[in-house]
Amino acid sequence: MAEKTNRVTVEIFGENYALKGNVEPEQVVQLAAILDKRMKKIARSNPKLPPIKVAVLAALHIVDEYLKLEEDYIALIDEMKK
């Protein structure tokens, strides 16, 4: 049985994006809201940056947080194995 394809439109940094995929629409809306909030925060601190650079900086910040959480997770798993 094929997975259901969901469609959702989200607004990120003033732009609308019509997205489709296997992810639940509520999760996509949540992801978009997190990215939008991060981009707006960066733009407030750097008002002259073009949107593409704001997006790249937001992506870098989010990936940095992800990597730190991944390291913490691995350390926790290692600690639990001892």
PDB file of N, CA and C in Angstrom:
ATOM      1  N   MET A   1       0.839  -1.178   0.000  1.00  0.00           N
ATOM      2  CA  MET A   1       0.000   0.000   0.000  1.00  0.00           C
ATOM      3  C   MET A   1       0.885   1.242   0.000  1.00  0.00           C
ATOM      4  N   ALA A   2       0.585   2.175  -0.874  1.00  0.00           N
ATOM      5  CA  ALA A   2       1.386   3.400  -0.986  1.00  0.00           C
ATOM      6  C   ALA A   2       1.069   4.344   0.168  1.00  0.00           C
ATOM      7  N   GLU A   3       2.103   5.069   0.587  1.00  0.00           N
ATOM      8  CA  GLU A   3       1.895   6.053   1.648  1.00  0.00           C
ATOM      9  C   GLU A   3       1.102   7.232   1.101  1.00  0.00           C
ATOM     10  N   LYS A   4       0.309   7.828   1.956  1.00  0.00           N
ATOM     11  CA  LYS A   4      -0.488   8.981   1.564  1.00  0.00           C
ATOM     12  C   LYS A   4       0.417  10.194   1.395  1.00  0.00           C
ATOM     13  N   THR A   5       0.204  10.931   0.316  1.00  0.00           N
ATOM     14  CA  THR A   5       0.939  12.171   0.100  1.00  0.00           C
ATOM     15  C   THR A   5       0.107  13.312   0.661  1.00  0.00           C
ATOM     16  N   ASN A   6       0.680  14.032   1.601  1.00  0.00           N
ATOM     17  CA  ASN A   6       0.010  15.172   2.220  1.00  0.00           C
ATOM     18  C   ASN A   6       0.462  16.457   1.554  1.00  0.00           C
ATOM     19  N   ARG A   7      -0.437  17.427   1.521  1.00  0.00           N
ATOM     20  CA  ARG A   7      -0.124  18.743   0.959  1.00  0.00           C
ATOM     21  C   ARG A   7      -0.404  19.799   2.021  1.00  0.00           C
ATOM     22  N   VAL A   8       0.480  20.772   2.080  1.00  0.00           N
ATOM     23  CA  VAL A   8       0.300  21.864   3.037  1.00  0.00           C
ATOM     24  C   VAL A   8       0.999  23.100   2.488  1.00  0.00           C
ATOM     25  N   THR A   9       0.420  24.256   2.754  1.00  0.00           N
ATOM     26  CA  THR A   9       1.046  25.522   2.383  1.00  0.00           C
ATOM     27  C   THR A   9       1.489  26.211   3.664  1.00  0.00           C
ATOM     28  N   VAL A  10       2.739  26.631   3.681  1.00  0.00           N
ATOM     29  CA  VAL A  10       3.293  27.319   4.847  1.00  0.00           C
ATOM     30  C   VAL A  10       3.898  28.641   4.409  1.00  0.00           C
ATOM     31  N   GLU A  11       4.009  29.546   5.360  1.00  0.00           N
ATOM     32  CA  GLU A  11       4.669  30.827   5.103  1.00  0.00           C
ATOM     33  C   GLU A  11       5.963  30.864   5.905  1.00  0.00           C
ATOM     34  N   ILE A  12       7.050  31.133   5.198  1.00  0.00           N
ATOM     35  CA  ILE A  12       8.352  31.256   5.832  1.00  0.00           C
ATOM     36  C   ILE A  12       8.975  32.554   5.368  1.00  0.00           C
ATOM     37  N   PHE A  13       9.215  33.442   6.309  1.00  0.00           N
ATOM     38  CA  PHE A  13       9.883  34.714   6.026  1.00  0.00           C
ATOM     39  C   PHE A  13       9.172  35.489   4.914  1.00  0.00           C
ATOM     40  N   GLY A  14       7.831  35.493   5.001  1.00  0.00           N
ATOM     41  CA  GLY A  14       7.017  36.267   4.064  1.00  0.00           C
ATOM     42  C   GLY A  14       6.755  35.608   2.723  1.00  0.00           C
ATOM     43  N   GLU A  15       7.234  34.398   2.530  1.00  0.00           N
ATOM     44  CA  GLU A  15       7.026  33.673   1.272  1.00  0.00           C
ATOM     45  C   GLU A  15       6.171  32.433   1.537  1.00  0.00           C
ATOM     46  N   ASN A  16       5.234  32.169   0.636  1.00  0.00           N
ATOM     47  CA  ASN A  16       4.411  30.971   0.754  1.00  0.00           C
ATOM     48  C   ASN A  16       5.050  29.821  -0.007  1.00  0.00           C
ATOM     49  N   TYR A  17       4.988  28.649   0.609  1.00  0.00           N
ATOM     50  CA  TYR A  17       5.533  27.441   0.008  1.00  0.00           C
ATOM     51  C   TYR A  17       4.466  26.353   0.047  1.00  0.00           C
ATOM     52  N   ALA A  18       4.101  25.843  -1.117  1.00  0.00           N
ATOM     53  CA  ALA A  18       3.174  24.716  -1.209  1.00  0.00           C
ATOM     54  C   ALA A  18       4.024  23.452  -1.231  1.00  0.00           C
ATOM     55  N   LEU A  19       3.875  22.643  -0.203  1.00  0.00           N
ATOM     56  CA  LEU A  19       4.721  21.468  -0.032  1.00  0.00           C
ATOM     57  C   LEU A  19       3.876  20.201  -0.051  1.00  0.00           C
ATOM     58  N   LYS A  20       4.470  19.128  -0.510  1.00  0.00           N
ATOM     59  CA  LYS A  20       3.798  17.834  -0.433  1.00  0.00           C
ATOM     60  C   LYS A  20       4.818  16.778  -0.051  1.00  0.00           C
ATOM     61  N   GLY A  21       4.339  15.776   0.664  1.00  0.00           N
ATOM     62  CA  GLY A  21       5.226  14.710   1.103  1.00  0.00           C
ATOM     63  C   GLY A  21       4.507  13.772   2.048  1.00  0.00           C
ATOM     64  N   ASN A  22       5.263  12.865   2.644  1.00  0.00           N
ATOM     65  CA  ASN A  22       4.691  11.865   3.544  1.00  0.00           C
ATOM     66  C   ASN A  22       4.591  12.345   4.986  1.00  0.00           C
ATOM     67  N   VAL A  23       5.147  13.503   5.281  1.00  0.00           N
ATOM     68  CA  VAL A  23       5.133  14.047   6.640  1.00  0.00           C
ATOM     69  C   VAL A  23       3.750  14.632   6.926  1.00  0.00           C
ATOM     70  N   GLU A  24       3.300  14.465   8.152  1.00  0.00           N
ATOM     71  CA  GLU A  24       2.001  15.021   8.544  1.00  0.00           C
ATOM     72  C   GLU A  24       2.017  16.544   8.410  1.00  0.00           C
ATOM     73  N   PRO A  25       0.929  17.138   7.906  1.00  0.00           N
ATOM     74  CA  PRO A  25       0.886  18.597   7.716  1.00  0.00           C
ATOM     75  C   PRO A  25       1.190  19.385   8.988  1.00  0.00           C
ATOM     76  N   GLU A  26       0.738  18.892  10.136  1.00  0.00           N
ATOM     77  CA  GLU A  26       0.982  19.598  11.394  1.00  0.00           C
ATOM     78  C   GLU A  26       2.472  19.699  11.688  1.00  0.00           C
ATOM     79  N   GLN A  27       3.213  18.658  11.359  1.00  0.00           N
ATOM     80  CA  GLN A  27       4.653  18.688  11.592  1.00  0.00           C
ATOM     81  C   GLN A  27       5.329  19.673  10.646  1.00  0.00           C
ATOM     82  N   VAL A  28       4.885  19.716   9.404  1.00  0.00           N
ATOM     83  CA  VAL A  28       5.458  20.659   8.436  1.00  0.00           C
ATOM     84  C   VAL A  28       5.194  22.089   8.889  1.00  0.00           C
ATOM     85  N   VAL A  29       3.992  22.350   9.368  1.00  0.00           N
ATOM     86  CA  VAL A  29       3.653  23.686   9.875  1.00  0.00           C
ATOM     87  C   VAL A  29       4.555  24.035  11.054  1.00  0.00           C
ATOM     88  N   GLN A  30       4.794  23.088  11.938  1.00  0.00           N
ATOM     89  CA  GLN A  30       5.669  23.330  13.087  1.00  0.00           C
ATOM     90  C   GLN A  30       7.100  23.606  12.630  1.00  0.00           C
ATOM     91  N   LEU A  31       7.605  22.822  11.699  1.00  0.00           N
ATOM     92  CA  LEU A  31       8.959  23.035  11.179  1.00  0.00           C
ATOM     93  C   LEU A  31       9.085  24.412  10.536  1.00  0.00           C
ATOM     94  N   ALA A  32       8.083  24.775   9.741  1.00  0.00           N
ATOM     95  CA  ALA A  32       8.100  26.076   9.072  1.00  0.00           C
ATOM     96  C   ALA A  32       8.077  27.212  10.089  1.00  0.00           C
ATOM     97  N   ALA A  33       7.302  27.049  11.152  1.00  0.00           N
ATOM     98  CA  ALA A  33       7.224  28.086  12.183  1.00  0.00           C
ATOM     99  C   ALA A  33       8.568  28.266  12.883  1.00  0.00           C
ATOM    100  N   ILE A  34       9.258  27.164  13.147  1.00  0.00           N
ATOM    101  CA  ILE A  34      10.580  27.243  13.779  1.00  0.00           C
ATOM    102  C   ILE A  34      11.557  27.968  12.868  1.00  0.00           C
ATOM    103  N   LEU A  35      11.567  27.598  11.594  1.00  0.00           N
ATOM    104  CA  LEU A  35      12.468  28.240  10.642  1.00  0.00           C
ATOM    105  C   LEU A  35      12.128  29.716  10.474  1.00  0.00           C
ATOM    106  N   ASP A  36      10.841  30.032  10.368  1.00  0.00           N
ATOM    107  CA  ASP A  36      10.406  31.421  10.218  1.00  0.00           C
ATOM    108  C   ASP A  36      10.857  32.264  11.408  1.00  0.00           C
ATOM    109  N   LYS A  37      10.661  31.730  12.604  1.00  0.00           N
ATOM    110  CA  LYS A  37      11.067  32.448  13.823  1.00  0.00           C
ATOM    111  C   LYS A  37      12.571  32.692  13.834  1.00  0.00           C
ATOM    112  N   ARG A  38      13.345  31.669  13.475  1.00  0.00           N
ATOM    113  CA  ARG A  38      14.804  31.796  13.463  1.00  0.00           C
ATOM    114  C   ARG A  38      15.245  32.829  12.424  1.00  0.00           C
ATOM    115  N   MET A  39      14.640  32.787  11.238  1.00  0.00           N
ATOM    116  CA  MET A  39      15.019  33.735  10.186  1.00  0.00           C
ATOM    117  C   MET A  39      14.684  35.169  10.596  1.00  0.00           C
ATOM    118  N   LYS A  40      13.532  35.367  11.207  1.00  0.00           N
ATOM    119  CA  LYS A  40      13.146  36.712  11.648  1.00  0.00           C
ATOM    120  C   LYS A  40      14.094  37.228  12.727  1.00  0.00           C
ATOM    121  N   LYS A  41      14.513  36.350  13.616  1.00  0.00           N
ATOM    122  CA  LYS A  41      15.463  36.749  14.661  1.00  0.00           C
ATOM    123  C   LYS A  41      16.787  37.179  14.041  1.00  0.00           C
ATOM    124  N   ILE A  42      17.284  36.421  13.089  1.00  0.00           N
ATOM    125  CA  ILE A  42      18.540  36.763  12.414  1.00  0.00           C
ATOM    126  C   ILE A  42      18.387  38.062  11.639  1.00  0.00           C
ATOM    127  N   ALA A  43      17.261  38.230  10.962  1.00  0.00           N
ATOM    128  CA  ALA A  43      17.026  39.445  10.170  1.00  0.00           C
ATOM    129  C   ALA A  43      16.952  40.683  11.058  1.00  0.00           C
ATOM    130  N   ARG A  44      16.389  40.543  12.253  1.00  0.00           N
ATOM    131  CA  ARG A  44      16.337  41.689  13.175  1.00  0.00           C
ATOM    132  C   ARG A  44      17.741  42.112  13.591  1.00  0.00           C
ATOM    133  N   SER A  45      18.611  41.140  13.779  1.00  0.00           N
ATOM    134  CA  SER A  45      19.987  41.444  14.177  1.00  0.00           C
ATOM    135  C   SER A  45      20.847  41.930  13.017  1.00  0.00           C
ATOM    136  N   ASN A  46      20.458  41.573  11.796  1.00  0.00           N
ATOM    137  CA  ASN A  46      21.226  41.915  10.592  1.00  0.00           C
ATOM    138  C   ASN A  46      20.267  42.402   9.509  1.00  0.00           C
ATOM    139  N   PRO A  47      19.675  43.591   9.679  1.00  0.00           N
ATOM    140  CA  PRO A  47      18.604  44.024   8.777  1.00  0.00           C
ATOM    141  C   PRO A  47      19.009  44.216   7.316  1.00  0.00           C
ATOM    142  N   LYS A  48      20.279  44.324   7.029  1.00  0.00           N
ATOM    143  CA  LYS A  48      20.701  44.542   5.642  1.00  0.00           C
ATOM    144  C   LYS A  48      20.990  43.241   4.889  1.00  0.00           C
ATOM    145  N   LEU A  49      20.933  42.111   5.566  1.00  0.00           N
ATOM    146  CA  LEU A  49      21.201  40.835   4.900  1.00  0.00           C
ATOM    147  C   LEU A  49      20.068  40.478   3.942  1.00  0.00           C
ATOM    148  N   PRO A  50      20.411  40.012   2.746  1.00  0.00           N
ATOM    149  CA  PRO A  50      19.365  39.539   1.830  1.00  0.00           C
ATOM    150  C   PRO A  50      18.751  38.239   2.359  1.00  0.00           C
ATOM    151  N   PRO A  51      17.521  37.952   1.980  1.00  0.00           N
ATOM    152  CA  PRO A  51      16.826  36.768   2.501  1.00  0.00           C
ATOM    153  C   PRO A  51      17.591  35.455   2.328  1.00  0.00           C
ATOM    154  N   ILE A  52      18.290  35.278   1.230  1.00  0.00           N
ATOM    155  CA  ILE A  52      19.006  34.013   1.030  1.00  0.00           C
ATOM    156  C   ILE A  52      20.104  33.832   2.079  1.00  0.00           C
ATOM    157  N   LYS A  53      20.771  34.920   2.435  1.00  0.00           N
ATOM    158  CA  LYS A  53      21.814  34.821   3.460  1.00  0.00           C
ATOM    159  C   LYS A  53      21.200  34.600   4.834  1.00  0.00           C
ATOM    160  N   VAL A  54      20.048  35.202   5.075  1.00  0.00           N
ATOM    161  CA  VAL A  54      19.327  34.956   6.330  1.00  0.00           C
ATOM    162  C   VAL A  54      18.974  33.470   6.419  1.00  0.00           C
ATOM    163  N   ALA A  55      18.506  32.906   5.310  1.00  0.00           N
ATOM    164  CA  ALA A  55      18.132  31.487   5.286  1.00  0.00           C
ATOM    165  C   ALA A  55      19.343  30.590   5.540  1.00  0.00           C
ATOM    166  N   VAL A  56      20.469  30.917   4.918  1.00  0.00           N
ATOM    167  CA  VAL A  56      21.672  30.104   5.109  1.00  0.00           C
ATOM    168  C   VAL A  56      22.141  30.182   6.560  1.00  0.00           C
ATOM    169  N   LEU A  57      22.137  31.373   7.135  1.00  0.00           N
ATOM    170  CA  LEU A  57      22.538  31.506   8.542  1.00  0.00           C
ATOM    171  C   LEU A  57      21.596  30.729   9.457  1.00  0.00           C
ATOM    172  N   ALA A  58      20.298  30.808   9.173  1.00  0.00           N
ATOM    173  CA  ALA A  58      19.331  30.059   9.978  1.00  0.00           C
ATOM    174  C   ALA A  58      19.597  28.561   9.864  1.00  0.00           C
ATOM    175  N   ALA A  59      19.865  28.100   8.661  1.00  0.00           N
ATOM    176  CA  ALA A  59      20.160  26.676   8.463  1.00  0.00           C
ATOM    177  C   ALA A  59      21.410  26.267   9.234  1.00  0.00           C
ATOM    178  N   LEU A  60      22.438  27.094   9.190  1.00  0.00           N
ATOM    179  CA  LEU A  60      23.669  26.785   9.919  1.00  0.00           C
ATOM    180  C   LEU A  60      23.427  26.718  11.423  1.00  0.00           C
ATOM    181  N   HIS A  61      22.637  27.646  11.948  1.00  0.00           N
ATOM    182  CA  HIS A  61      22.324  27.642  13.380  1.00  0.00           C
ATOM    183  C   HIS A  61      21.569  26.370  13.755  1.00  0.00           C
ATOM    184  N   ILE A  62      20.599  26.003  12.928  1.00  0.00           N
ATOM    185  CA  ILE A  62      19.787  24.825  13.226  1.00  0.00           C
ATOM    186  C   ILE A  62      20.625  23.554  13.146  1.00  0.00           C
ATOM    187  N   VAL A  63      21.480  23.455  12.138  1.00  0.00           N
ATOM    188  CA  VAL A  63      22.348  22.277  12.016  1.00  0.00           C
ATOM    189  C   VAL A  63      23.326  22.213  13.185  1.00  0.00           C
ATOM    190  N   ASP A  64      23.834  23.358  13.621  1.00  0.00           N
ATOM    191  CA  ASP A  64      24.730  23.389  14.776  1.00  0.00           C
ATOM    192  C   ASP A  64      24.018  22.837  16.009  1.00  0.00           C
ATOM    193  N   GLU A  65      22.787  23.275  16.228  1.00  0.00           N
ATOM    194  CA  GLU A  65      22.015  22.760  17.360  1.00  0.00           C
ATOM    195  C   GLU A  65      21.792  21.257  17.226  1.00  0.00           C
ATOM    196  N   TYR A  66      21.480  20.817  16.019  1.00  0.00           N
ATOM    197  CA  TYR A  66      21.260  19.391  15.778  1.00  0.00           C
ATOM    198  C   TYR A  66      22.509  18.581  16.116  1.00  0.00           C
ATOM    199  N   LEU A  67      23.656  19.030  15.636  1.00  0.00           N
ATOM    200  CA  LEU A  67      24.898  18.299  15.890  1.00  0.00           C
ATOM    201  C   LEU A  67      25.227  18.240  17.378  1.00  0.00           C
ATOM    202  N   LYS A  68      24.984  19.340  18.087  1.00  0.00           N
ATOM    203  CA  LYS A  68      25.219  19.341  19.536  1.00  0.00           C
ATOM    204  C   LYS A  68      24.289  18.351  20.242  1.00  0.00           C
ATOM    205  N   LEU A  69      23.026  18.330  19.828  1.00  0.00           N
ATOM    206  CA  LEU A  69      22.083  17.382  20.420  1.00  0.00           C
ATOM    207  C   LEU A  69      22.461  15.942  20.093  1.00  0.00           C
ATOM    208  N   GLU A  70      22.921  15.720  18.871  1.00  0.00           N
ATOM    209  CA  GLU A  70      23.351  14.382  18.476  1.00  0.00           C
ATOM    210  C   GLU A  70      24.546  13.923  19.314  1.00  0.00           C
ATOM    211  N   GLU A  71      25.501  14.817  19.536  1.00  0.00           N
ATOM    212  CA  GLU A  71      26.655  14.492  20.381  1.00  0.00           C
ATOM    213  C   GLU A  71      26.209  14.166  21.802  1.00  0.00           C
ATOM    214  N   ASP A  72      25.295  14.980  22.333  1.00  0.00           N
ATOM    215  CA  ASP A  72      24.781  14.731  23.681  1.00  0.00           C
ATOM    216  C   ASP A  72      24.071  13.378  23.749  1.00  0.00           C
ATOM    217  N   TYR A  73      23.312  13.060  22.724  1.00  0.00           N
ATOM    218  CA  TYR A  73      22.585  11.795  22.673  1.00  0.00           C
ATOM    219  C   TYR A  73      23.557  10.615  22.662  1.00  0.00           C
ATOM    220  N   ILE A  74      24.574  10.694  21.824  1.00  0.00           N
ATOM    221  CA  ILE A  74      25.568   9.622  21.741  1.00  0.00           C
ATOM    222  C   ILE A  74      26.289   9.456  23.078  1.00  0.00           C
ATOM    223  N   ALA A  75      26.639  10.572  23.707  1.00  0.00           N
ATOM    224  CA  ALA A  75      27.305  10.509  25.012  1.00  0.00           C
ATOM    225  C   ALA A  75      26.390   9.868  26.051  1.00  0.00           C
ATOM    226  N   LEU A  76      25.110  10.189  26.008  1.00  0.00           N
ATOM    227  CA  LEU A  76      24.154   9.612  26.950  1.00  0.00           C
ATOM    228  C   LEU A  76      24.010   8.108  26.729  1.00  0.00           C
ATOM    229  N   ILE A  77      23.914   7.701  25.476  1.00  0.00           N
ATOM    230  CA  ILE A  77      23.816   6.271  25.163  1.00  0.00           C
ATOM    231  C   ILE A  77      25.070   5.539  25.642  1.00  0.00           C
ATOM    232  N   ASP A  78      26.232   6.127  25.376  1.00  0.00           N
ATOM    233  CA  ASP A  78      27.494   5.522  25.831  1.00  0.00           C
ATOM    234  C   ASP A  78      27.524   5.402  27.350  1.00  0.00           C
ATOM    235  N   GLU A  79      27.051   6.417  28.033  1.00  0.00           N
ATOM    236  CA  GLU A  79      27.033   6.402  29.499  1.00  0.00           C
ATOM    237  C   GLU A  79      26.087   5.316  30.017  1.00  0.00           C
ATOM    238  N   MET A  80      24.966   5.148  29.342  1.00  0.00           N
ATOM    239  CA  MET A  80      23.995   4.135  29.761  1.00  0.00           C
ATOM    240  C   MET A  80      24.529   2.720  29.552  1.00  0.00           C
ATOM    241  N   LYS A  81      25.417   2.544  28.593  1.00  0.00           N
ATOM    242  CA  LYS A  81      25.984   1.222  28.309  1.00  0.00           C
ATOM    243  C   LYS A  81      27.004   0.801  29.361  1.00  0.00           C
ATOM    244  N   LYS A  82      27.526   1.753  30.111  1.00  0.00           N
ATOM    245  CA  LYS A  82      28.553   1.450  31.120  1.00  0.00           C
ATOM    246  C   LYS A  82      27.952   0.820  32.356  1.00  0.00           C
TER     247      LYS A  82
END
